[in-house]
Amino acid sequence: VTADIAAGEPFTASNVASLRPIGGAEPAQLPYVLGHP
């Protein structure tokens, strides 16, 4: 998470990114995450 996100706010390229290190979901999930609340 690259910016604070409120509950229900959509995930976007401005608030979620694929970055180092491991800790979150796999980078392959990013296209499917974007747009979801």
PDB file of all heavy atoms in Angstrom:
ATOM      1  N   VAL A   1       0.864  -1.183   0.000  1.00  0.00           N
ATOM      2  CA  VAL A   1       0.000   0.000   0.000  1.00  0.00           C
ATOM      3  C   VAL A   1       0.897   1.228   0.000  1.00  0.00           C
ATOM      4  O   VAL A   1       1.760   1.398   0.861  1.00  0.00           O
ATOM      5  CB  VAL A   1      -0.923   0.000   1.236  1.00  0.00           C
ATOM      6  CG1 VAL A   1      -1.755   1.286   1.282  1.00  0.00           C
ATOM      7  CG2 VAL A   1      -1.832  -1.227   1.217  1.00  0.00           C
ATOM      8  N   THR A   2       0.702   2.107  -1.015  1.00  0.00           N
ATOM      9  CA  THR A   2       1.581   3.280  -1.169  1.00  0.00           C
ATOM     10  C   THR A   2       0.923   4.579  -0.715  1.00  0.00           C
ATOM     11  O   THR A   2       1.591   5.619  -0.685  1.00  0.00           O
ATOM     12  CB  THR A   2       2.005   3.416  -2.639  1.00  0.00           C
ATOM     13  OG1 THR A   2       0.836   3.559  -3.455  1.00  0.00           O
ATOM     14  CG2 THR A   2       2.807   2.185  -3.091  1.00  0.00           C
ATOM     15  N   ALA A   3      -0.347   4.518  -0.358  1.00  0.00           N
ATOM     16  CA  ALA A   3      -1.064   5.690   0.183  1.00  0.00           C
ATOM     17  C   ALA A   3      -2.194   5.178   1.061  1.00  0.00           C
ATOM     18  O   ALA A   3      -2.700   4.056   0.865  1.00  0.00           O
ATOM     19  CB  ALA A   3      -1.617   6.566  -0.946  1.00  0.00           C
ATOM     20  N   ASP A   4      -2.596   5.982   2.054  1.00  0.00           N
ATOM     21  CA  ASP A   4      -3.706   5.559   2.921  1.00  0.00           C
ATOM     22  C   ASP A   4      -4.937   5.284   2.085  1.00  0.00           C
ATOM     23  O   ASP A   4      -5.255   6.008   1.126  1.00  0.00           O
ATOM     24  CB  ASP A   4      -4.009   6.639   3.958  1.00  0.00           C
ATOM     25  CG  ASP A   4      -2.899   6.804   4.992  1.00  0.00           C
ATOM     26  OD1 ASP A   4      -2.011   5.915   5.047  1.00  0.00           O
ATOM     27  OD2 ASP A   4      -2.918   7.810   5.723  1.00  0.00           O
ATOM     28  N   ILE A   5      -5.666   4.204   2.449  1.00  0.00           N
ATOM     29  CA  ILE A   5      -6.876   3.799   1.724  1.00  0.00           C
ATOM     30  C   ILE A   5      -7.990   3.623   2.747  1.00  0.00           C
ATOM     31  O   ILE A   5      -7.826   2.922   3.753  1.00  0.00           O
ATOM     32  CB  ILE A   5      -6.676   2.469   0.965  1.00  0.00           C
ATOM     33  CG1 ILE A   5      -5.468   2.554   0.014  1.00  0.00           C
ATOM     34  CG2 ILE A   5      -7.937   2.082   0.181  1.00  0.00           C
ATOM     35  CD1 ILE A   5      -5.092   1.223  -0.622  1.00  0.00           C
ATOM     36  N   ALA A   6      -9.125   4.261   2.487  1.00  0.00           N
ATOM     37  CA  ALA A   6     -10.293   4.095   3.365  1.00  0.00           C
ATOM     38  C   ALA A   6     -11.041   2.836   2.975  1.00  0.00           C
ATOM     39  O   ALA A   6     -10.974   2.373   1.824  1.00  0.00           O
ATOM     40  CB  ALA A   6     -11.218   5.305   3.259  1.00  0.00           C
ATOM     41  N   ALA A   7     -11.761   2.263   3.932  1.00  0.00           N
ATOM     42  CA  ALA A   7     -12.594   1.085   3.626  1.00  0.00           C
ATOM     43  C   ALA A   7     -13.573   1.433   2.525  1.00  0.00           C
ATOM     44  O   ALA A   7     -14.222   2.483   2.549  1.00  0.00           O
ATOM     45  CB  ALA A   7     -13.337   0.629   4.876  1.00  0.00           C
ATOM     46  N   GLY A   8     -13.671   0.594   1.511  1.00  0.00           N
ATOM     47  CA  GLY A   8     -14.574   0.804   0.390  1.00  0.00           C
ATOM     48  C   GLY A   8     -13.957   1.599  -0.746  1.00  0.00           C
ATOM     49  O   GLY A   8     -14.509   1.619  -1.849  1.00  0.00           O
ATOM     50  N   GLU A   9     -12.852   2.265  -0.492  1.00  0.00           N
ATOM     51  CA  GLU A   9     -12.167   3.015  -1.562  1.00  0.00           C
ATOM     52  C   GLU A   9     -11.520   2.033  -2.526  1.00  0.00           C
ATOM     53  O   GLU A   9     -10.952   1.025  -2.106  1.00  0.00           O
ATOM     54  CB  GLU A   9     -11.105   3.924  -0.947  1.00  0.00           C
ATOM     55  CG  GLU A   9     -10.380   4.806  -1.943  1.00  0.00           C
ATOM     56  CD  GLU A   9      -9.304   5.665  -1.284  1.00  0.00           C
ATOM     57  OE1 GLU A   9      -9.285   5.775  -0.044  1.00  0.00           O
ATOM     58  OE2 GLU A   9      -8.460   6.216  -2.029  1.00  0.00           O
ATOM     59  N   PRO A  10     -11.589   2.276  -3.816  1.00  0.00           N
ATOM     60  CA  PRO A  10     -11.019   1.309  -4.764  1.00  0.00           C
ATOM     61  C   PRO A  10      -9.496   1.299  -4.706  1.00  0.00           C
ATOM     62  O   PRO A  10      -8.860   2.319  -4.468  1.00  0.00           O
ATOM     63  CB  PRO A  10     -11.528   1.795  -6.116  1.00  0.00           C
ATOM     64  CG  PRO A  10     -11.814   3.242  -5.944  1.00  0.00           C
ATOM     65  CD  PRO A  10     -12.259   3.410  -4.507  1.00  0.00           C
ATOM     66  N   PHE A  11      -8.959   0.114  -4.943  1.00  0.00           N
ATOM     67  CA  PHE A  11      -7.521  -0.001  -5.127  1.00  0.00           C
ATOM     68  C   PHE A  11      -7.168   0.562  -6.505  1.00  0.00           C
ATOM     69  O   PHE A  11      -7.819   0.247  -7.507  1.00  0.00           O
ATOM     70  CB  PHE A  11      -7.072  -1.466  -5.058  1.00  0.00           C
ATOM     71  CG  PHE A  11      -7.259  -2.103  -3.706  1.00  0.00           C
ATOM     72  CD1 PHE A  11      -8.084  -3.206  -3.545  1.00  0.00           C
ATOM     73  CD2 PHE A  11      -6.584  -1.610  -2.600  1.00  0.00           C
ATOM     74  CE1 PHE A  11      -8.233  -3.809  -2.312  1.00  0.00           C
ATOM     75  CE2 PHE A  11      -6.728  -2.209  -1.355  1.00  0.00           C
ATOM     76  CZ  PHE A  11      -7.560  -3.310  -1.209  1.00  0.00           C
ATOM     77  N   THR A  12      -6.118   1.399  -6.555  1.00  0.00           N
ATOM     78  CA  THR A  12      -5.691   2.008  -7.815  1.00  0.00           C
ATOM     79  C   THR A  12      -4.179   1.960  -7.903  1.00  0.00           C
ATOM     80  O   THR A  12      -3.474   1.645  -6.942  1.00  0.00           O
ATOM     81  CB  THR A  12      -6.140   3.474  -7.904  1.00  0.00           C
ATOM     82  OG1 THR A  12      -5.385   4.244  -6.952  1.00  0.00           O
ATOM     83  CG2 THR A  12      -7.632   3.624  -7.634  1.00  0.00           C
ATOM     84  N   ALA A  13      -3.691   2.345  -9.084  1.00  0.00           N
ATOM     85  CA  ALA A  13      -2.238   2.411  -9.284  1.00  0.00           C
ATOM     86  C   ALA A  13      -1.608   3.494  -8.428  1.00  0.00           C
ATOM     87  O   ALA A  13      -0.384   3.511  -8.259  1.00  0.00           O
ATOM     88  CB  ALA A  13      -1.926   2.656 -10.753  1.00  0.00           C
ATOM     89  N   SER A  14      -2.421   4.358  -7.853  1.00  0.00           N
ATOM     90  CA  SER A  14      -1.903   5.422  -6.993  1.00  0.00           C
ATOM     91  C   SER A  14      -1.769   4.998  -5.542  1.00  0.00           C
ATOM     92  O   SER A  14      -1.096   5.671  -4.764  1.00  0.00           O
ATOM     93  CB  SER A  14      -2.803   6.659  -7.082  1.00  0.00           C
ATOM     94  OG  SER A  14      -2.815   7.171  -8.397  1.00  0.00           O
ATOM     95  N   ASN A  15      -2.451   3.913  -5.170  1.00  0.00           N
ATOM     96  CA  ASN A  15      -2.375   3.517  -3.759  1.00  0.00           C
ATOM     97  C   ASN A  15      -1.880   2.087  -3.538  1.00  0.00           C
ATOM     98  O   ASN A  15      -1.715   1.661  -2.397  1.00  0.00           O
ATOM     99  CB  ASN A  15      -3.708   3.736  -3.040  1.00  0.00           C
ATOM    100  CG  ASN A  15      -4.865   2.991  -3.704  1.00  0.00           C
ATOM    101  OD1 ASN A  15      -4.692   1.926  -4.275  1.00  0.00           O
ATOM    102  ND2 ASN A  15      -6.080   3.574  -3.616  1.00  0.00           N
ATOM    103  N   VAL A  16      -1.642   1.359  -4.611  1.00  0.00           N
ATOM    104  CA  VAL A  16      -1.099  -0.009  -4.516  1.00  0.00           C
ATOM    105  C   VAL A  16      -0.027  -0.174  -5.602  1.00  0.00           C
ATOM    106  O   VAL A  16      -0.216   0.285  -6.734  1.00  0.00           O
ATOM    107  CB  VAL A  16      -2.198  -1.077  -4.702  1.00  0.00           C
ATOM    108  CG1 VAL A  16      -1.584  -2.474  -4.702  1.00  0.00           C
ATOM    109  CG2 VAL A  16      -3.251  -0.975  -3.625  1.00  0.00           C
ATOM    110  N   ALA A  17       1.086  -0.812  -5.249  1.00  0.00           N
ATOM    111  CA  ALA A  17       2.157  -1.049  -6.228  1.00  0.00           C
ATOM    112  C   ALA A  17       2.908  -2.332  -5.901  1.00  0.00           C
ATOM    113  O   ALA A  17       2.889  -2.812  -4.763  1.00  0.00           O
ATOM    114  CB  ALA A  17       3.126   0.134  -6.254  1.00  0.00           C
ATOM    115  N   SER A  18       3.559  -2.866  -6.912  1.00  0.00           N
ATOM    116  CA  SER A  18       4.454  -4.018  -6.739  1.00  0.00           C
ATOM    117  C   SER A  18       5.836  -3.489  -6.414  1.00  0.00           C
ATOM    118  O   SER A  18       6.472  -2.825  -7.234  1.00  0.00           O
ATOM    119  CB  SER A  18       4.501  -4.857  -8.023  1.00  0.00           C
ATOM    120  OG  SER A  18       5.514  -5.836  -7.947  1.00  0.00           O
ATOM    121  N   LEU A  19       6.280  -3.772  -5.180  1.00  0.00           N
ATOM    122  CA  LEU A  19       7.554  -3.257  -4.688  1.00  0.00           C
ATOM    123  C   LEU A  19       8.280  -4.323  -3.887  1.00  0.00           C
ATOM    124  O   LEU A  19       7.660  -5.301  -3.445  1.00  0.00           O
ATOM    125  CB  LEU A  19       7.317  -2.020  -3.799  1.00  0.00           C
ATOM    126  CG  LEU A  19       6.637  -0.813  -4.452  1.00  0.00           C
ATOM    127  CD1 LEU A  19       6.218   0.186  -3.379  1.00  0.00           C
ATOM    128  CD2 LEU A  19       7.577  -0.157  -5.457  1.00  0.00           C
ATOM    129  N   ARG A  20       9.551  -4.123  -3.668  1.00  0.00           N
ATOM    130  CA  ARG A  20      10.288  -4.970  -2.751  1.00  0.00           C
ATOM    131  C   ARG A  20       9.994  -4.539  -1.323  1.00  0.00           C
ATOM    132  O   ARG A  20       9.750  -3.360  -1.091  1.00  0.00           O
ATOM    133  CB  ARG A  20      11.795  -4.862  -3.017  1.00  0.00           C
ATOM    134  CG  ARG A  20      12.242  -5.363  -4.382  1.00  0.00           C
ATOM    135  CD  ARG A  20      13.752  -5.251  -4.497  1.00  0.00           C
ATOM    136  NE  ARG A  20      14.220  -5.638  -5.828  1.00  0.00           N
ATOM    137  CZ  ARG A  20      15.507  -5.752  -6.153  1.00  0.00           C
ATOM    138  NH1 ARG A  20      16.439  -5.505  -5.237  1.00  0.00           N
ATOM    139  NH2 ARG A  20      15.865  -6.085  -7.364  1.00  0.00           N
ATOM    140  N   PRO A  21      10.052  -5.426  -0.318  1.00  0.00           N
ATOM    141  CA  PRO A  21      10.352  -6.868  -0.352  1.00  0.00           C
ATOM    142  C   PRO A  21       9.065  -7.683  -0.367  1.00  0.00           C
ATOM    143  O   PRO A  21       7.964  -7.162  -0.533  1.00  0.00           O
ATOM    144  CB  PRO A  21      11.105  -7.053   0.957  1.00  0.00           C
ATOM    145  CG  PRO A  21      10.401  -6.113   1.899  1.00  0.00           C
ATOM    146  CD  PRO A  21      10.025  -4.918   1.063  1.00  0.00           C
ATOM    147  N   ILE A  22       9.218  -9.001  -0.122  1.00  0.00           N
ATOM    148  CA  ILE A  22       8.065  -9.867   0.046  1.00  0.00           C
ATOM    149  C   ILE A  22       7.349  -9.489   1.343  1.00  0.00           C
ATOM    150  O   ILE A  22       7.955  -9.046   2.305  1.00  0.00           O
ATOM    151  CB  ILE A  22       8.516 -11.346   0.075  1.00  0.00           C
ATOM    152  CG1 ILE A  22       8.700 -11.850  -1.366  1.00  0.00           C
ATOM    153  CG2 ILE A  22       7.558 -12.242   0.833  1.00  0.00           C
ATOM    154  CD1 ILE A  22       9.124 -13.276  -1.475  1.00  0.00           C
ATOM    155  N   GLY A  23       6.061  -9.656   1.343  1.00  0.00           N
ATOM    156  CA  GLY A  23       5.254  -9.357   2.534  1.00  0.00           C
ATOM    157  C   GLY A  23       3.784  -9.355   2.186  1.00  0.00           C
ATOM    158  O   GLY A  23       2.950  -9.822   2.951  1.00  0.00           O
ATOM    159  N   GLY A  24       3.470  -8.834   1.012  1.00  0.00           N
ATOM    160  CA  GLY A  24       2.084  -8.796   0.572  1.00  0.00           C
ATOM    161  C   GLY A  24       1.780  -9.874  -0.442  1.00  0.00           C
ATOM    162  O   GLY A  24       2.510 -10.853  -0.583  1.00  0.00           O
ATOM    163  N   ALA A  25       0.684  -9.671  -1.167  1.00  0.00           N
ATOM    164  CA  ALA A  25       0.264 -10.636  -2.186  1.00  0.00           C
ATOM    165  C   ALA A  25       1.254 -10.637  -3.349  1.00  0.00           C
ATOM    166  O   ALA A  25       2.033  -9.705  -3.540  1.00  0.00           O
ATOM    167  CB  ALA A  25      -1.139 -10.285  -2.677  1.00  0.00           C
ATOM    168  N   GLU A  26       1.214 -11.692  -4.143  1.00  0.00           N
ATOM    169  CA  GLU A  26       2.096 -11.800  -5.291  1.00  0.00           C
ATOM    170  C   GLU A  26       1.830 -10.688  -6.290  1.00  0.00           C
ATOM    171  O   GLU A  26       0.686 -10.275  -6.494  1.00  0.00           O
ATOM    172  CB  GLU A  26       1.908 -13.147  -5.991  1.00  0.00           C
ATOM    173  CG  GLU A  26       2.483 -14.325  -5.232  1.00  0.00           C
ATOM    174  CD  GLU A  26       2.393 -15.600  -6.063  1.00  0.00           C
ATOM    175  OE1 GLU A  26       1.691 -15.602  -7.087  1.00  0.00           O
ATOM    176  OE2 GLU A  26       3.030 -16.589  -5.679  1.00  0.00           O
ATOM    177  N   PRO A  27       2.873 -10.202  -6.978  1.00  0.00           N
ATOM    178  CA  PRO A  27       2.677  -9.170  -8.002  1.00  0.00           C
ATOM    179  C   PRO A  27       1.684  -9.576  -9.090  1.00  0.00           C
ATOM    180  O   PRO A  27       1.011  -8.716  -9.661  1.00  0.00           O
ATOM    181  CB  PRO A  27       4.080  -8.983  -8.576  1.00  0.00           C
ATOM    182  CG  PRO A  27       4.991  -9.371  -7.463  1.00  0.00           C
ATOM    183  CD  PRO A  27       4.304 -10.494  -6.763  1.00  0.00           C
ATOM    184  N   ALA A  28       1.574 -10.882  -9.354  1.00  0.00           N
ATOM    185  CA  ALA A  28       0.643 -11.341 -10.386  1.00  0.00           C
ATOM    186  C   ALA A  28      -0.802 -10.992 -10.070  1.00  0.00           C
ATOM    187  O   ALA A  28      -1.665 -10.960 -10.958  1.00  0.00           O
ATOM    188  CB  ALA A  28       0.785 -12.854 -10.572  1.00  0.00           C
ATOM    189  N   GLN A  29      -1.093 -10.700  -8.793  1.00  0.00           N
ATOM    190  CA  GLN A  29      -2.465 -10.372  -8.400  1.00  0.00           C
ATOM    191  C   GLN A  29      -2.838  -8.923  -8.719  1.00  0.00           C
ATOM    192  O   GLN A  29      -4.012  -8.566  -8.716  1.00  0.00           O
ATOM    193  CB  GLN A  29      -2.634 -10.610  -6.891  1.00  0.00           C
ATOM    194  CG  GLN A  29      -2.415 -12.040  -6.440  1.00  0.00           C
ATOM    195  CD  GLN A  29      -3.543 -12.952  -6.874  1.00  0.00           C
ATOM    196  OE1 GLN A  29      -4.684 -12.505  -7.038  1.00  0.00           O
ATOM    197  NE2 GLN A  29      -3.237 -14.226  -7.071  1.00  0.00           N
ATOM    198  N   LEU A  30      -1.827  -8.072  -9.005  1.00  0.00           N
ATOM    199  CA  LEU A  30      -2.096  -6.640  -9.132  1.00  0.00           C
ATOM    200  C   LEU A  30      -3.178  -6.295 -10.161  1.00  0.00           C
ATOM    201  O   LEU A  30      -4.090  -5.510  -9.855  1.00  0.00           O
ATOM    202  CB  LEU A  30      -0.793  -5.891  -9.448  1.00  0.00           C
ATOM    203  CG  LEU A  30      -0.904  -4.368  -9.565  1.00  0.00           C
ATOM    204  CD1 LEU A  30      -1.420  -3.777  -8.254  1.00  0.00           C
ATOM    205  CD2 LEU A  30       0.436  -3.757  -9.933  1.00  0.00           C
ATOM    206  N   PRO A  31      -3.159  -6.837 -11.381  1.00  0.00           N
ATOM    207  CA  PRO A  31      -4.187  -6.444 -12.351  1.00  0.00           C
ATOM    208  C   PRO A  31      -5.612  -6.777 -11.888  1.00  0.00           C
ATOM    209  O   PRO A  31      -6.573  -6.120 -12.301  1.00  0.00           O
ATOM    210  CB  PRO A  31      -3.818  -7.239 -13.603  1.00  0.00           C
ATOM    211  CG  PRO A  31      -2.382  -7.582 -13.444  1.00  0.00           C
ATOM    212  CD  PRO A  31      -2.179  -7.766 -11.974  1.00  0.00           C
ATOM    213  N   TYR A  32      -5.720  -7.788 -11.026  1.00  0.00           N
ATOM    214  CA  TYR A  32      -7.046  -8.217 -10.576  1.00  0.00           C
ATOM    215  C   TYR A  32      -7.491  -7.470  -9.320  1.00  0.00           C
ATOM    216  O   TYR A  32      -8.678  -7.405  -8.998  1.00  0.00           O
ATOM    217  CB  TYR A  32      -7.033  -9.729 -10.332  1.00  0.00           C
ATOM    218  CG  TYR A  32      -6.560 -10.480 -11.544  1.00  0.00           C
ATOM    219  CD1 TYR A  32      -5.226 -10.875 -11.663  1.00  0.00           C
ATOM    220  CD2 TYR A  32      -7.420 -10.759 -12.597  1.00  0.00           C
ATOM    221  CE1 TYR A  32      -4.772 -11.536 -12.795  1.00  0.00           C
ATOM    222  CE2 TYR A  32      -6.987 -11.418 -13.730  1.00  0.00           C
ATOM    223  CZ  TYR A  32      -5.655 -11.808 -13.830  1.00  0.00           C
ATOM    224  OH  TYR A  32      -5.225 -12.452 -14.956  1.00  0.00           O
ATOM    225  N   VAL A  33      -6.521  -6.899  -8.617  1.00  0.00           N
ATOM    226  CA  VAL A  33      -6.824  -6.117  -7.415  1.00  0.00           C
ATOM    227  C   VAL A  33      -7.340  -4.732  -7.780  1.00  0.00           C
ATOM    228  O   VAL A  33      -8.280  -4.201  -7.166  1.00  0.00           O
ATOM    229  CB  VAL A  33      -5.565  -6.016  -6.530  1.00  0.00           C
ATOM    230  CG1 VAL A  33      -5.745  -4.947  -5.443  1.00  0.00           C
ATOM    231  CG2 VAL A  33      -5.248  -7.362  -5.891  1.00  0.00           C
ATOM    232  N   LEU A  34      -6.694  -4.137  -8.798  1.00  0.00           N
ATOM    233  CA  LEU A  34      -7.042  -2.760  -9.166  1.00  0.00           C
ATOM    234  C   LEU A  34      -8.521  -2.643  -9.529  1.00  0.00           C
ATOM    235  O   LEU A  34      -9.064  -3.454 -10.299  1.00  0.00           O
ATOM    236  CB  LEU A  34      -6.173  -2.294 -10.330  1.00  0.00           C
ATOM    237  CG  LEU A  34      -4.662  -2.221 -10.067  1.00  0.00           C
ATOM    238  CD1 LEU A  34      -3.915  -1.762 -11.309  1.00  0.00           C
ATOM    239  CD2 LEU A  34      -4.344  -1.326  -8.885  1.00  0.00           C
ATOM    240  N   GLY A  35      -9.156  -1.639  -8.952  1.00  0.00           N
ATOM    241  CA  GLY A  35     -10.574  -1.403  -9.206  1.00  0.00           C
ATOM    242  C   GLY A  35     -11.492  -1.988  -8.161  1.00  0.00           C
ATOM    243  O   GLY A  35     -12.657  -1.587  -8.047  1.00  0.00           O
ATOM    244  N   HIS A  36     -11.015  -2.954  -7.376  1.00  0.00           N
ATOM    245  CA  HIS A  36     -11.840  -3.541  -6.324  1.00  0.00           C
ATOM    246  C   HIS A  36     -11.880  -2.602  -5.111  1.00  0.00           C
ATOM    247  O   HIS A  36     -10.895  -1.932  -4.799  1.00  0.00           O
ATOM    248  CB  HIS A  36     -11.280  -4.900  -5.892  1.00  0.00           C
ATOM    249  CG  HIS A  36     -11.636  -6.004  -6.826  1.00  0.00           C
ATOM    250  ND1 HIS A  36     -12.767  -6.763  -6.686  1.00  0.00           N
ATOM    251  CD2 HIS A  36     -10.998  -6.466  -7.940  1.00  0.00           C
ATOM    252  CE1 HIS A  36     -12.803  -7.660  -7.649  1.00  0.00           C
ATOM    253  NE2 HIS A  36     -11.750  -7.492  -8.429  1.00  0.00           N
ATOM    254  N   PRO A  37     -13.003  -2.598  -4.389  1.00  0.00           N
ATOM    255  CA  PRO A  37     -13.078  -1.774  -3.179  1.00  0.00           C
ATOM    256  C   PRO A  37     -12.272  -2.418  -2.049  1.00  0.00           C
ATOM    257  O   PRO A  37     -12.259  -3.643  -1.896  1.00  0.00           O
ATOM    258  CB  PRO A  37     -14.560  -1.736  -2.857  1.00  0.00           C
ATOM    259  CG  PRO A  37     -15.119  -2.974  -3.477  1.00  0.00           C
ATOM    260  CD  PRO A  37     -14.294  -3.230  -4.709  1.00  0.00           C
TER     261      PRO A  37
END
